[in-house]
Amino acid sequence: MSVFARIRAYSVHVLTASGAALALLAMIFATGGHWEAMFLSLGLALIVDGVDGPLAREFKVAELLPRWSGDTLDLVVDFTTYVFVPAYAIAASGLLPQMLAIPAGVLVVIVGALYFADREMKTDDNYFRGFPGLWNLAAFYLYVLRPPEWAGAALILALAILSFAPIKFIHPMRVRHLRWLNIALLVVWAALALAAIAMSLDPGPYVTWLLTVIALYFFAAGLLRPPAQKV
């Protein structure tokens, strides 16, 4: 194998690991109450997580660098960006009843850790089993929608329960069924989310409703999926 191929493969691991750096930046912003910058950092980490897998497969990283586990690295980074930092944002948001804020954050990290340890978190057709630990998105919607405090707490509890429910959640990039529509909606969602961040997480009804409709679509897409085909 060429030195260049090994360097290129290792650069993919570095790209994946950069998600941890983005998680640290997000936490620094969060502790300072800079929620827009926090969500922007988590959004960049989401992009990294979306592109590193295809690059790893394209450059045959697992074959060229068997010493380093891309799966383990991915799980470590994903836990910080999808669970740990969002758990802090939920607990410190001021959008939940004061007596439930810290317990909600604790619940998120415990449920998230258990979910990420599940060897069967994905089905054979690349759907997620149960709510897929996307607490970064749960926190984002909490900040954008700003529901009544008890409704926000109920939402966190419901998602925690759904993490272990025998239902499917769609993976927009990996599920073949209506993939073109799922990716298109994902791009629209990203543009709307960026607009919401630019407007200090108070984007007004049009952006808010569109974000909500897209979220409901992705939720329903797994529930209403006919018997699946493998990708």
C-alpha atoms as a PDB file:
ATOM      1  CA  MET A   1       0.000   0.000   0.000  1.00  0.00           C
ATOM      2  CA  SER A   2       1.268   3.491  -0.768  1.00  0.00           C
ATOM      3  CA  VAL A   3       2.195   6.031   1.866  1.00  0.00           C
ATOM      4  CA  PHE A   4      -0.210   8.474   0.248  1.00  0.00           C
ATOM      5  CA  ALA A   5      -3.107   6.024   0.590  1.00  0.00           C
ATOM      6  CA  ARG A   6      -2.350   5.559   4.294  1.00  0.00           C
ATOM      7  CA  ILE A   7      -2.081   9.297   4.889  1.00  0.00           C
ATOM      8  CA  ARG A   8      -5.332   9.857   3.044  1.00  0.00           C
ATOM      9  CA  ALA A   9      -7.021   7.151   5.072  1.00  0.00           C
ATOM     10  CA  TYR A  10      -5.726   8.541   8.358  1.00  0.00           C
ATOM     11  CA  SER A  11      -6.945  12.006   7.371  1.00  0.00           C
ATOM     12  CA  VAL A  12     -10.470  10.582   7.424  1.00  0.00           C
ATOM     13  CA  HIS A  13      -9.945   9.540  11.051  1.00  0.00           C
ATOM     14  CA  VAL A  14      -8.693  13.056  11.787  1.00  0.00           C
ATOM     15  CA  LEU A  15     -11.816  14.450  10.141  1.00  0.00           C
ATOM     16  CA  THR A  16     -13.995  12.228  12.320  1.00  0.00           C
ATOM     17  CA  ALA A  17     -12.031  13.237  15.430  1.00  0.00           C
ATOM     18  CA  SER A  18     -12.548  16.914  14.556  1.00  0.00           C
ATOM     19  CA  GLY A  19     -16.143  16.356  15.606  1.00  0.00           C
ATOM     20  CA  ALA A  20     -14.847  16.091  19.193  1.00  0.00           C
ATOM     21  CA  ALA A  21     -13.164  19.478  18.788  1.00  0.00           C
ATOM     22  CA  LEU A  22     -16.453  20.907  17.573  1.00  0.00           C
ATOM     23  CA  ALA A  23     -18.153  19.365  20.611  1.00  0.00           C
ATOM     24  CA  LEU A  24     -15.664  21.128  22.877  1.00  0.00           C
ATOM     25  CA  LEU A  25     -16.321  24.437  21.123  1.00  0.00           C
ATOM     26  CA  ALA A  26     -20.053  23.834  21.463  1.00  0.00           C
ATOM     27  CA  MET A  27     -19.687  23.196  25.197  1.00  0.00           C
ATOM     28  CA  ILE A  28     -17.595  26.354  25.652  1.00  0.00           C
ATOM     29  CA  PHE A  29     -20.240  28.374  23.838  1.00  0.00           C
ATOM     30  CA  ALA A  30     -23.000  26.702  25.841  1.00  0.00           C
ATOM     31  CA  THR A  31     -21.434  27.447  29.210  1.00  0.00           C
ATOM     32  CA  GLY A  32     -21.294  31.087  28.153  1.00  0.00           C
ATOM     33  CA  GLY A  33     -24.942  31.073  27.099  1.00  0.00           C
ATOM     34  CA  HIS A  34     -24.080  31.528  23.420  1.00  0.00           C
ATOM     35  CA  TRP A  35     -26.707  29.077  22.224  1.00  0.00           C
ATOM     36  CA  GLU A  36     -26.652  30.090  18.564  1.00  0.00           C
ATOM     37  CA  ALA A  37     -22.899  29.466  18.349  1.00  0.00           C
ATOM     38  CA  MET A  38     -23.367  26.184  20.192  1.00  0.00           C
ATOM     39  CA  PHE A  39     -25.951  24.940  17.700  1.00  0.00           C
ATOM     40  CA  LEU A  40     -23.799  26.115  14.795  1.00  0.00           C
ATOM     41  CA  SER A  41     -20.895  24.065  16.149  1.00  0.00           C
ATOM     42  CA  LEU A  42     -23.138  21.036  16.594  1.00  0.00           C
ATOM     43  CA  GLY A  43     -24.440  21.561  13.068  1.00  0.00           C
ATOM     44  CA  LEU A  44     -20.908  21.503  11.686  1.00  0.00           C
ATOM     45  CA  ALA A  45     -20.294  18.300  13.660  1.00  0.00           C
ATOM     46  CA  LEU A  46     -23.426  16.865  12.049  1.00  0.00           C
ATOM     47  CA  ILE A  47     -21.985  17.616   8.611  1.00  0.00           C
ATOM     48  CA  VAL A  48     -18.697  15.952   9.551  1.00  0.00           C
ATOM     49  CA  ASP A  49     -20.611  12.883  10.711  1.00  0.00           C
ATOM     50  CA  GLY A  50     -22.470  12.802   7.418  1.00  0.00           C
ATOM     51  CA  VAL A  51     -19.409  12.861   5.161  1.00  0.00           C
ATOM     52  CA  ASP A  52     -16.785  10.859   7.054  1.00  0.00           C
ATOM     53  CA  GLY A  53     -18.538   7.503   6.579  1.00  0.00           C
ATOM     54  CA  PRO A  54     -18.705   7.665   2.763  1.00  0.00           C
ATOM     55  CA  LEU A  55     -15.087   8.892   2.676  1.00  0.00           C
ATOM     56  CA  ALA A  56     -13.993   6.022   4.917  1.00  0.00           C
ATOM     57  CA  ARG A  57     -15.604   3.501   2.590  1.00  0.00           C
ATOM     58  CA  GLU A  58     -14.247   5.202  -0.524  1.00  0.00           C
ATOM     59  CA  PHE A  59     -10.667   5.290   0.769  1.00  0.00           C
ATOM     60  CA  LYS A  60     -10.856   1.804   2.371  1.00  0.00           C
ATOM     61  CA  VAL A  61      -9.831   3.160   5.766  1.00  0.00           C
ATOM     62  CA  ALA A  62     -10.662  -0.030   7.693  1.00  0.00           C
ATOM     63  CA  GLU A  63      -8.452  -2.098   5.388  1.00  0.00           C
ATOM     64  CA  LEU A  64      -5.509   0.306   5.321  1.00  0.00           C
ATOM     65  CA  LEU A  65      -5.541   1.191   9.025  1.00  0.00           C
ATOM     66  CA  PRO A  66      -6.793  -1.867  10.948  1.00  0.00           C
ATOM     67  CA  ARG A  67      -5.141  -0.633  14.159  1.00  0.00           C
ATOM     68  CA  TRP A  68      -7.640   2.209  14.521  1.00  0.00           C
ATOM     69  CA  SER A  69     -11.331   1.467  14.866  1.00  0.00           C
ATOM     70  CA  GLY A  70     -13.405   3.937  12.913  1.00  0.00           C
ATOM     71  CA  ASP A  71     -16.565   2.574  14.514  1.00  0.00           C
ATOM     72  CA  THR A  72     -15.262   3.223  18.026  1.00  0.00           C
ATOM     73  CA  LEU A  73     -14.004   6.680  17.095  1.00  0.00           C
ATOM     74  CA  ASP A  74     -17.352   7.504  15.520  1.00  0.00           C
ATOM     75  CA  LEU A  75     -19.273   6.393  18.618  1.00  0.00           C
ATOM     76  CA  VAL A  76     -17.051   8.421  20.949  1.00  0.00           C
ATOM     77  CA  VAL A  77     -17.491  11.575  18.877  1.00  0.00           C
ATOM     78  CA  ASP A  78     -21.191  11.007  18.279  1.00  0.00           C
ATOM     79  CA  PHE A  79     -21.869  10.626  21.990  1.00  0.00           C
ATOM     80  CA  THR A  80     -20.320  14.011  22.724  1.00  0.00           C
ATOM     81  CA  THR A  81     -22.096  15.843  19.904  1.00  0.00           C
ATOM     82  CA  TYR A  82     -25.437  14.042  19.857  1.00  0.00           C
ATOM     83  CA  VAL A  83     -25.872  13.426  23.575  1.00  0.00           C
ATOM     84  CA  PHE A  84     -23.478  15.005  26.076  1.00  0.00           C
ATOM     85  CA  VAL A  85     -23.394  18.642  24.933  1.00  0.00           C
ATOM     86  CA  PRO A  86     -27.131  18.675  24.092  1.00  0.00           C
ATOM     87  CA  ALA A  87     -27.879  17.242  27.549  1.00  0.00           C
ATOM     88  CA  TYR A  88     -26.157  20.239  29.092  1.00  0.00           C
ATOM     89  CA  ALA A  89     -28.043  22.590  26.771  1.00  0.00           C
ATOM     90  CA  ILE A  90     -31.344  21.006  27.804  1.00  0.00           C
ATOM     91  CA  ALA A  91     -30.518  21.159  31.524  1.00  0.00           C
ATOM     92  CA  ALA A  92     -29.281  24.765  31.360  1.00  0.00           C
ATOM     93  CA  SER A  93     -31.893  26.071  28.935  1.00  0.00           C
ATOM     94  CA  GLY A  94     -34.310  27.518  31.460  1.00  0.00           C
ATOM     95  CA  LEU A  95     -37.043  26.076  29.274  1.00  0.00           C
ATOM     96  CA  LEU A  96     -37.968  23.224  31.635  1.00  0.00           C
ATOM     97  CA  PRO A  97     -39.419  23.347  35.152  1.00  0.00           C
ATOM     98  CA  GLN A  98     -36.530  24.190  37.454  1.00  0.00           C
ATOM     99  CA  MET A  99     -36.958  21.052  39.517  1.00  0.00           C
ATOM    100  CA  LEU A 100     -36.769  18.877  36.376  1.00  0.00           C
ATOM    101  CA  ALA A 101     -33.974  20.596  34.449  1.00  0.00           C
ATOM    102  CA  ILE A 102     -30.990  18.699  35.866  1.00  0.00           C
ATOM    103  CA  PRO A 103     -32.863  15.363  36.078  1.00  0.00           C
ATOM    104  CA  ALA A 104     -33.749  15.795  32.404  1.00  0.00           C
ATOM    105  CA  GLY A 105     -30.093  16.260  31.499  1.00  0.00           C
ATOM    106  CA  VAL A 106     -29.134  13.213  33.559  1.00  0.00           C
ATOM    107  CA  LEU A 107     -31.861  11.176  31.873  1.00  0.00           C
ATOM    108  CA  VAL A 108     -30.594  12.188  28.430  1.00  0.00           C
ATOM    109  CA  VAL A 109     -26.986  11.106  29.062  1.00  0.00           C
ATOM    110  CA  ILE A 110     -28.018   7.783  30.636  1.00  0.00           C
ATOM    111  CA  VAL A 111     -30.474   6.931  27.874  1.00  0.00           C
ATOM    112  CA  GLY A 112     -28.034   8.128  25.216  1.00  0.00           C
ATOM    113  CA  ALA A 113     -25.200   6.005  26.618  1.00  0.00           C
ATOM    114  CA  LEU A 114     -27.400   2.912  26.705  1.00  0.00           C
ATOM    115  CA  TYR A 115     -28.648   3.550  23.176  1.00  0.00           C
ATOM    116  CA  PHE A 116     -25.143   3.943  21.752  1.00  0.00           C
ATOM    117  CA  ALA A 117     -24.125   0.669  23.401  1.00  0.00           C
ATOM    118  CA  ASP A 118     -26.933  -1.217  21.645  1.00  0.00           C
ATOM    119  CA  ARG A 119     -25.440  -3.522  19.009  1.00  0.00           C
ATOM    120  CA  GLU A 120     -28.844  -3.669  17.325  1.00  0.00           C
ATOM    121  CA  MET A 121     -29.515   0.053  17.121  1.00  0.00           C
ATOM    122  CA  LYS A 122     -29.882  -0.291  13.341  1.00  0.00           C
ATOM    123  CA  THR A 123     -32.055  -2.662  11.357  1.00  0.00           C
ATOM    124  CA  ASP A 124     -30.846  -4.632   8.354  1.00  0.00           C
ATOM    125  CA  ASP A 125     -32.399  -2.023   6.055  1.00  0.00           C
ATOM    126  CA  ASN A 126     -30.552   0.833   7.798  1.00  0.00           C
ATOM    127  CA  TYR A 127     -33.388   2.234   9.866  1.00  0.00           C
ATOM    128  CA  PHE A 128     -32.750   3.107  13.499  1.00  0.00           C
ATOM    129  CA  ARG A 129     -34.525   1.125  16.195  1.00  0.00           C
ATOM    130  CA  GLY A 130     -36.226   3.585  18.504  1.00  0.00           C
ATOM    131  CA  PHE A 131     -35.431   7.284  18.786  1.00  0.00           C
ATOM    132  CA  PRO A 132     -31.846   7.401  17.502  1.00  0.00           C
ATOM    133  CA  GLY A 133     -30.250   9.525  20.213  1.00  0.00           C
ATOM    134  CA  LEU A 134     -30.521  12.752  18.219  1.00  0.00           C
ATOM    135  CA  TRP A 135     -30.617  14.886  21.349  1.00  0.00           C
ATOM    136  CA  ASN A 136     -28.903  17.703  19.501  1.00  0.00           C
ATOM    137  CA  LEU A 137     -32.033  18.014  17.379  1.00  0.00           C
ATOM    138  CA  ALA A 138     -34.307  17.617  20.398  1.00  0.00           C
ATOM    139  CA  ALA A 139     -32.473  20.494  22.094  1.00  0.00           C
ATOM    140  CA  PHE A 140     -32.656  22.577  18.907  1.00  0.00           C
ATOM    141  CA  TYR A 141     -36.424  22.172  18.647  1.00  0.00           C
ATOM    142  CA  LEU A 142     -36.791  22.925  22.349  1.00  0.00           C
ATOM    143  CA  TYR A 143     -35.015  26.253  21.859  1.00  0.00           C
ATOM    144  CA  VAL A 144     -36.838  27.129  18.630  1.00  0.00           C
ATOM    145  CA  LEU A 145     -40.364  26.056  19.603  1.00  0.00           C
ATOM    146  CA  ARG A 146     -40.091  27.114  23.272  1.00  0.00           C
ATOM    147  CA  PRO A 147     -43.106  25.076  24.416  1.00  0.00           C
ATOM    148  CA  PRO A 148     -44.590  25.484  27.897  1.00  0.00           C
ATOM    149  CA  GLU A 149     -42.129  24.205  30.508  1.00  0.00           C
ATOM    150  CA  TRP A 150     -44.073  21.048  31.386  1.00  0.00           C
ATOM    151  CA  ALA A 151     -44.648  20.274  27.708  1.00  0.00           C
ATOM    152  CA  GLY A 152     -40.910  20.537  27.120  1.00  0.00           C
ATOM    153  CA  ALA A 153     -40.245  18.159  30.005  1.00  0.00           C
ATOM    154  CA  ALA A 154     -42.863  15.762  28.652  1.00  0.00           C
ATOM    155  CA  LEU A 155     -41.179  15.856  25.236  1.00  0.00           C
ATOM    156  CA  ILE A 156     -37.814  14.895  26.726  1.00  0.00           C
ATOM    157  CA  LEU A 157     -39.406  12.047  28.668  1.00  0.00           C
ATOM    158  CA  ALA A 158     -41.300  10.824  25.598  1.00  0.00           C
ATOM    159  CA  LEU A 159     -38.146  10.753  23.469  1.00  0.00           C
ATOM    160  CA  ALA A 160     -36.294   8.897  26.225  1.00  0.00           C
ATOM    161  CA  ILE A 161     -39.027   6.246  26.251  1.00  0.00           C
ATOM    162  CA  LEU A 162     -39.080   6.067  22.449  1.00  0.00           C
ATOM    163  CA  SER A 163     -35.344   5.291  22.489  1.00  0.00           C
ATOM    164  CA  PHE A 164     -36.302   1.771  23.565  1.00  0.00           C
ATOM    165  CA  ALA A 165     -39.550   1.444  21.627  1.00  0.00           C
ATOM    166  CA  PRO A 166     -39.854  -1.207  18.873  1.00  0.00           C
ATOM    167  CA  ILE A 167     -40.370   1.364  16.132  1.00  0.00           C
ATOM    168  CA  LYS A 168     -38.240   2.534  13.235  1.00  0.00           C
ATOM    169  CA  PHE A 169     -36.707   5.957  12.635  1.00  0.00           C
ATOM    170  CA  ILE A 170     -35.399   6.815   9.217  1.00  0.00           C
ATOM    171  CA  HIS A 171     -31.743   7.395   8.336  1.00  0.00           C
ATOM    172  CA  PRO A 172     -32.125   9.947   5.504  1.00  0.00           C
ATOM    173  CA  MET A 173     -28.777   9.140   3.877  1.00  0.00           C
ATOM    174  CA  ARG A 174     -28.801   5.334   4.142  1.00  0.00           C
ATOM    175  CA  VAL A 175     -32.423   4.240   3.626  1.00  0.00           C
ATOM    176  CA  ARG A 176     -33.204   3.599  -0.032  1.00  0.00           C
ATOM    177  CA  HIS A 177     -36.986   4.122   0.153  1.00  0.00           C
ATOM    178  CA  LEU A 178     -37.683   7.693  -1.094  1.00  0.00           C
ATOM    179  CA  ARG A 179     -34.023   8.573  -0.597  1.00  0.00           C
ATOM    180  CA  TRP A 180     -34.184  11.429  -3.102  1.00  0.00           C
ATOM    181  CA  LEU A 181     -37.028  13.039  -1.153  1.00  0.00           C
ATOM    182  CA  ASN A 182     -35.371  12.430   2.206  1.00  0.00           C
ATOM    183  CA  ILE A 183     -32.103  14.033   1.103  1.00  0.00           C
ATOM    184  CA  ALA A 184     -33.933  16.974  -0.469  1.00  0.00           C
ATOM    185  CA  LEU A 185     -35.873  17.580   2.738  1.00  0.00           C
ATOM    186  CA  LEU A 186     -32.664  17.255   4.729  1.00  0.00           C
ATOM    187  CA  VAL A 187     -31.084  20.016   2.642  1.00  0.00           C
ATOM    188  CA  VAL A 188     -34.148  22.223   3.109  1.00  0.00           C
ATOM    189  CA  TRP A 189     -34.104  21.498   6.832  1.00  0.00           C
ATOM    190  CA  ALA A 190     -30.427  22.483   7.071  1.00  0.00           C
ATOM    191  CA  ALA A 191     -31.130  25.802   5.328  1.00  0.00           C
ATOM    192  CA  LEU A 192     -34.073  26.494   7.648  1.00  0.00           C
ATOM    193  CA  ALA A 193     -32.048  25.548  10.728  1.00  0.00           C
ATOM    194  CA  LEU A 194     -29.248  27.894   9.644  1.00  0.00           C
ATOM    195  CA  ALA A 195     -31.815  30.647   9.175  1.00  0.00           C
ATOM    196  CA  ALA A 196     -33.183  29.995  12.656  1.00  0.00           C
ATOM    197  CA  ILE A 197     -29.686  30.237  14.135  1.00  0.00           C
ATOM    198  CA  ALA A 198     -29.038  33.460  12.226  1.00  0.00           C
ATOM    199  CA  MET A 199     -32.263  34.868  13.696  1.00  0.00           C
ATOM    200  CA  SER A 200     -31.221  34.102  17.283  1.00  0.00           C
ATOM    201  CA  LEU A 201     -33.374  30.946  17.438  1.00  0.00           C
ATOM    202  CA  ASP A 202     -36.512  33.053  17.024  1.00  0.00           C
ATOM    203  CA  PRO A 203     -37.189  32.698  13.297  1.00  0.00           C
ATOM    204  CA  GLY A 204     -40.909  33.401  13.271  1.00  0.00           C
ATOM    205  CA  PRO A 205     -43.852  31.187  12.376  1.00  0.00           C
ATOM    206  CA  TYR A 206     -43.018  30.330   8.760  1.00  0.00           C
ATOM    207  CA  VAL A 207     -39.588  28.872   9.446  1.00  0.00           C
ATOM    208  CA  THR A 208     -40.786  27.288  12.680  1.00  0.00           C
ATOM    209  CA  TRP A 209     -43.736  25.556  11.050  1.00  0.00           C
ATOM    210  CA  LEU A 210     -41.638  24.295   8.139  1.00  0.00           C
ATOM    211  CA  LEU A 211     -39.072  22.885  10.561  1.00  0.00           C
ATOM    212  CA  THR A 212     -41.860  21.195  12.476  1.00  0.00           C
ATOM    213  CA  VAL A 213     -43.480  19.713   9.367  1.00  0.00           C
ATOM    214  CA  ILE A 214     -40.168  18.260   8.167  1.00  0.00           C
ATOM    215  CA  ALA A 215     -39.524  16.769  11.603  1.00  0.00           C
ATOM    216  CA  LEU A 216     -42.978  15.178  11.599  1.00  0.00           C
ATOM    217  CA  TYR A 217     -42.341  13.760   8.134  1.00  0.00           C
ATOM    218  CA  PHE A 218     -39.114  12.066   9.216  1.00  0.00           C
ATOM    219  CA  PHE A 219     -40.861  10.729  12.303  1.00  0.00           C
ATOM    220  CA  ALA A 220     -43.767   9.344  10.259  1.00  0.00           C
ATOM    221  CA  ALA A 221     -41.508   7.958   7.509  1.00  0.00           C
ATOM    222  CA  GLY A 222     -40.251   5.231   9.827  1.00  0.00           C
ATOM    223  CA  LEU A 223     -43.610   4.453  11.397  1.00  0.00           C
ATOM    224  CA  LEU A 224     -45.398   4.127   8.061  1.00  0.00           C
ATOM    225  CA  ARG A 225     -42.645   2.276   6.238  1.00  0.00           C
ATOM    226  CA  PRO A 226     -43.843  -0.908   4.469  1.00  0.00           C
ATOM    227  CA  PRO A 227     -41.833  -4.132   4.873  1.00  0.00           C
ATOM    228  CA  ALA A 228     -38.295  -3.013   4.185  1.00  0.00           C
ATOM    229  CA  GLN A 229     -35.790  -3.902   1.532  1.00  0.00           C
ATOM    230  CA  LYS A 230     -32.072  -4.007   2.184  1.00  0.00           C
ATOM    231  CA  VAL A 231     -29.941  -1.278   0.711  1.00  0.00           C
END
